[in-house]
Amino acid sequence: MNVSTEKVKLITLLLIVCQILNNFCSNHLNPEHSPQNFRNHTEIKKLENIKVPVSEKTIIGNKSYTDNKKLKDFMNAGTAKELNTSSTSSEEIINTAQKYLGVPHCMGGTTMKCIDCSGLLVTVFAKHGIRLPHNSEEQARYGKMISRMDELRKGDLVFFIRSYKTHHFITHSGIYVGNNKFIHTSSKNGVIITSLNDTWWKEKFVFGTRVLK
């Protein structure tokens, strides 16, 4: 066997090792959102299956999603987390949220200075001793899923898809305030109340969740 053949074999072996290491690292870069980590989270008091069928066609948010990989991955990875909200009313949540009306948007914000969409939910519920993650997609794993817009109640969380380009399925969150309206943080207008019949948001509404007792 000549030197050239030995070099080719060595290079091939190195390429295989690099590929294996790359795959390993890719699977461990973001473990906090993996299904196993989610199910083992120490703060989970109770786990309930989100009882929405994952099949060739799933109806969510009054729309049909056929063979939607992101939807299937979300549903398969998630089971609903329960929050201790027995002493909190929907009116209290809404009143607290309305105090943030007009606060400008900023990514990662959770204060009166600036706030983002998931940060609004985090801050409002925290005022009542209720902890939510600062991530719209993770927030969507809490409570009972409400698949139809016309079944929403005051204080329900509402979730949307495709509001900006990302690999996540859920991209925006807000709080339903009644009369087919929700309070949320707009990137352009800050914290505002918007109708769910708004063309932009109606198309992107996917489901709500009921976290209040």
Protein backbone atom coordinates (compact mmCIF):
# COMPACT_ATOMS: atom_id res chain seq x y z
CA MET A 1 0.00 0.00 0.00
CA ASN A 2 1.55 3.32 -1.06
CA VAL A 3 1.66 6.61 0.89
CA SER A 4 -1.06 8.20 -1.28
CA THR A 5 -3.57 5.45 -0.39
CA GLU A 6 -2.75 5.84 3.30
CA LYS A 7 -3.45 9.59 3.09
CA VAL A 8 -6.81 9.03 1.40
CA LYS A 9 -7.83 6.56 4.11
CA LEU A 10 -6.72 8.94 6.87
CA ILE A 11 -8.62 11.89 5.35
CA THR A 12 -11.75 9.73 4.93
CA LEU A 13 -11.55 8.61 8.56
CA LEU A 14 -11.16 12.22 9.76
CA LEU A 15 -14.19 13.31 7.72
CA ILE A 16 -16.32 10.54 9.26
CA VAL A 17 -15.23 11.49 12.79
CA CYS A 18 -15.99 15.19 12.13
CA GLN A 19 -19.46 14.32 10.83
CA ILE A 20 -20.24 12.24 13.92
CA LEU A 21 -19.05 15.03 16.23
CA ASN A 22 -21.06 17.62 14.30
CA ASN A 23 -24.27 15.61 14.60
CA PHE A 24 -23.69 15.08 18.30
CA CYS A 25 -23.15 18.79 18.94
CA SER A 26 -26.16 19.81 16.85
CA ASN A 27 -28.43 17.61 18.92
CA HIS A 28 -27.18 19.13 22.17
CA LEU A 29 -26.89 22.83 21.34
CA ASN A 30 -30.35 23.65 22.73
CA PRO A 31 -31.32 20.95 25.23
CA GLU A 32 -33.78 23.12 27.19
CA HIS A 33 -36.41 22.79 24.46
CA SER A 34 -35.98 19.07 23.88
CA PRO A 35 -38.99 16.82 24.66
CA GLN A 36 -37.14 14.84 27.32
CA ASN A 37 -35.96 17.96 29.16
CA PHE A 38 -39.47 19.39 28.89
CA ARG A 39 -41.04 16.33 30.47
CA ASN A 40 -38.45 16.21 33.26
CA HIS A 41 -38.67 19.91 34.19
CA THR A 42 -38.63 20.20 37.99
CA GLU A 43 -41.20 23.01 38.05
CA ILE A 44 -43.93 20.91 36.42
CA LYS A 45 -46.67 20.18 38.95
CA LYS A 46 -48.84 18.11 36.67
CA LEU A 47 -48.72 16.87 33.09
CA GLU A 48 -51.75 16.54 30.86
CA ASN A 49 -51.82 15.47 27.24
CA ILE A 50 -52.88 18.15 24.79
CA LYS A 51 -55.79 16.26 23.31
CA VAL A 52 -55.63 17.44 19.72
CA PRO A 53 -55.15 14.68 17.14
CA VAL A 54 -52.00 14.73 15.07
CA SER A 55 -52.96 13.17 11.77
CA GLU A 56 -52.77 13.89 8.09
CA LYS A 57 -55.14 16.81 8.66
CA THR A 58 -55.47 18.67 11.96
CA ILE A 59 -57.96 21.47 12.62
CA ILE A 60 -56.52 24.26 14.77
CA GLY A 61 -57.53 27.89 14.92
CA ASN A 62 -60.41 27.29 12.48
CA LYS A 63 -57.89 26.27 9.81
CA SER A 64 -56.72 22.93 8.44
CA TYR A 65 -53.04 22.06 8.56
CA THR A 66 -52.15 19.15 6.31
CA ASP A 67 -48.88 17.36 6.96
CA ASN A 68 -47.43 20.40 8.74
CA LYS A 69 -44.11 19.21 10.19
CA LYS A 70 -43.76 22.13 12.63
CA LEU A 71 -47.27 21.52 13.95
CA LYS A 72 -46.65 17.81 14.38
CA ASP A 73 -43.30 18.39 16.07
CA PHE A 74 -44.89 20.90 18.45
CA MET A 75 -47.80 18.61 19.34
CA ASN A 76 -45.62 15.52 19.74
CA ALA A 77 -43.08 17.31 21.92
CA GLY A 78 -45.53 19.04 24.22
CA THR A 79 -47.82 18.09 27.04
CA ALA A 80 -49.73 20.80 28.87
CA LYS A 81 -48.22 22.21 32.03
CA GLU A 82 -50.53 23.31 34.81
CA LEU A 83 -50.15 26.60 36.65
CA ASN A 84 -51.38 27.43 40.14
CA THR A 85 -53.84 30.19 39.19
CA SER A 86 -56.76 29.31 41.45
CA SER A 87 -56.67 32.63 43.32
CA THR A 88 -56.36 34.83 40.23
CA SER A 89 -59.30 36.12 38.16
CA SER A 90 -59.33 37.03 34.49
CA GLU A 91 -60.27 40.62 35.36
CA GLU A 92 -57.17 40.95 37.55
CA ILE A 93 -54.95 39.69 34.72
CA ILE A 94 -56.55 42.01 32.17
CA ASN A 95 -56.40 45.05 34.47
CA THR A 96 -52.69 44.44 35.08
CA ALA A 97 -52.02 43.99 31.36
CA GLN A 98 -53.80 47.23 30.49
CA LYS A 99 -51.38 49.17 32.68
CA TYR A 100 -48.74 48.41 30.02
CA LEU A 101 -50.71 49.94 27.14
CA GLY A 102 -48.42 52.20 25.14
CA VAL A 103 -45.17 50.69 26.44
CA PRO A 104 -42.82 50.39 23.42
CA HIS A 105 -41.55 47.09 22.05
CA CYS A 106 -38.04 45.76 22.50
CA MET A 107 -36.77 42.20 22.18
CA GLY A 108 -36.30 40.60 25.59
CA GLY A 109 -37.99 43.46 27.45
CA THR A 110 -40.08 42.93 30.60
CA THR A 111 -40.43 46.42 32.05
CA MET A 112 -42.41 49.65 31.67
CA LYS A 113 -39.45 50.97 29.69
CA CYS A 114 -39.92 48.43 26.90
CA ILE A 115 -41.35 44.93 26.54
CA ASP A 116 -41.84 42.15 23.98
CA CYS A 117 -44.87 39.91 23.37
CA SER A 118 -43.89 36.97 25.59
CA GLY A 119 -42.40 39.42 28.10
CA LEU A 120 -45.84 41.01 28.54
CA LEU A 121 -47.31 37.65 29.55
CA VAL A 122 -44.36 36.89 31.82
CA THR A 123 -44.61 40.26 33.58
CA VAL A 124 -48.41 40.40 33.91
CA PHE A 125 -48.74 36.89 35.34
CA ALA A 126 -45.69 37.37 37.59
CA LYS A 127 -47.51 40.30 39.24
CA HIS A 128 -49.97 37.67 40.49
CA GLY A 129 -47.35 35.13 41.54
CA ILE A 130 -47.67 33.03 38.37
CA ARG A 131 -44.50 32.05 36.52
CA LEU A 132 -44.44 31.66 32.75
CA PRO A 133 -41.37 31.13 30.53
CA HIS A 134 -40.16 34.09 28.46
CA ASN A 135 -40.83 32.30 25.18
CA SER A 136 -44.10 32.25 23.21
CA GLU A 137 -43.71 28.66 22.05
CA GLU A 138 -43.05 27.42 25.59
CA GLN A 139 -45.93 29.53 26.94
CA ALA A 140 -48.21 27.71 24.50
CA ARG A 141 -47.57 24.46 26.39
CA TYR A 142 -49.45 25.67 29.47
CA GLY A 143 -53.14 25.07 30.15
CA LYS A 144 -56.04 23.56 28.24
CA MET A 145 -55.91 24.10 24.50
CA ILE A 146 -58.79 26.10 23.01
CA SER A 147 -58.80 25.33 19.31
CA ARG A 148 -61.62 27.67 18.25
CA MET A 149 -61.50 31.45 18.35
CA ASP A 150 -65.20 31.68 19.27
CA GLU A 151 -64.62 29.57 22.40
CA LEU A 152 -62.07 31.91 23.96
CA ARG A 153 -62.74 33.44 27.40
CA LYS A 154 -61.28 36.50 29.07
CA GLY A 155 -57.80 35.80 30.41
CA ASP A 156 -57.04 33.01 27.92
CA LEU A 157 -53.65 33.10 26.24
CA VAL A 158 -53.70 33.41 22.44
CA PHE A 159 -50.98 32.26 20.07
CA PHE A 160 -50.02 32.97 16.50
CA ILE A 161 -47.76 31.58 13.79
CA ARG A 162 -45.70 33.11 10.96
CA SER A 163 -45.58 36.64 12.44
CA TYR A 164 -41.86 36.67 11.57
CA LYS A 165 -39.32 34.29 10.08
CA THR A 166 -38.09 31.70 12.56
CA HIS A 167 -37.73 27.94 12.97
CA HIS A 168 -40.26 28.04 15.82
CA PHE A 169 -43.89 27.08 15.23
CA ILE A 170 -45.40 29.65 17.65
CA THR A 171 -44.11 33.17 16.98
CA HIS A 172 -46.41 35.53 18.93
CA SER A 173 -48.54 35.54 22.10
CA GLY A 174 -51.13 37.73 23.79
CA ILE A 175 -53.99 37.77 26.32
CA TYR A 176 -57.63 37.60 25.29
CA VAL A 177 -59.62 40.50 26.81
CA GLY A 178 -63.10 39.69 25.47
CA ASN A 179 -65.20 41.02 22.60
CA ASN A 180 -62.93 39.24 20.14
CA LYS A 181 -59.93 41.37 21.15
CA PHE A 182 -56.54 40.64 22.66
CA ILE A 183 -53.81 42.69 24.31
CA HIS A 184 -50.27 42.13 23.05
CA THR A 185 -47.01 43.83 22.16
CA SER A 186 -46.78 45.01 18.57
CA SER A 187 -43.28 45.53 17.17
CA LYS A 188 -44.41 48.84 15.66
CA ASN A 189 -46.94 50.17 18.18
CA GLY A 190 -45.89 48.66 21.49
CA VAL A 191 -48.54 47.25 23.84
CA ILE A 192 -51.95 47.62 22.21
CA ILE A 193 -55.38 45.98 22.06
CA THR A 194 -56.18 44.47 18.66
CA SER A 195 -59.20 42.71 17.17
CA LEU A 196 -58.79 39.05 16.32
CA ASN A 197 -60.74 39.91 13.16
CA ASP A 198 -57.80 42.01 12.01
CA THR A 199 -56.79 40.50 8.68
CA TRP A 200 -53.14 40.04 9.68
CA TRP A 201 -53.80 38.37 13.03
CA LYS A 202 -56.88 36.35 12.05
CA GLU A 203 -54.84 34.56 9.41
CA LYS A 204 -52.07 33.80 11.90
CA PHE A 205 -54.14 32.79 14.95
CA VAL A 206 -53.51 29.11 15.69
CA PHE A 207 -55.07 28.39 19.12
CA GLY A 208 -55.57 29.66 22.65
CA THR A 209 -54.87 28.08 26.01
CA ARG A 210 -56.87 28.39 29.23
CA VAL A 211 -54.56 28.68 32.23
CA LEU A 212 -56.97 30.33 34.69
CA LYS A 213 -59.24 28.13 36.76
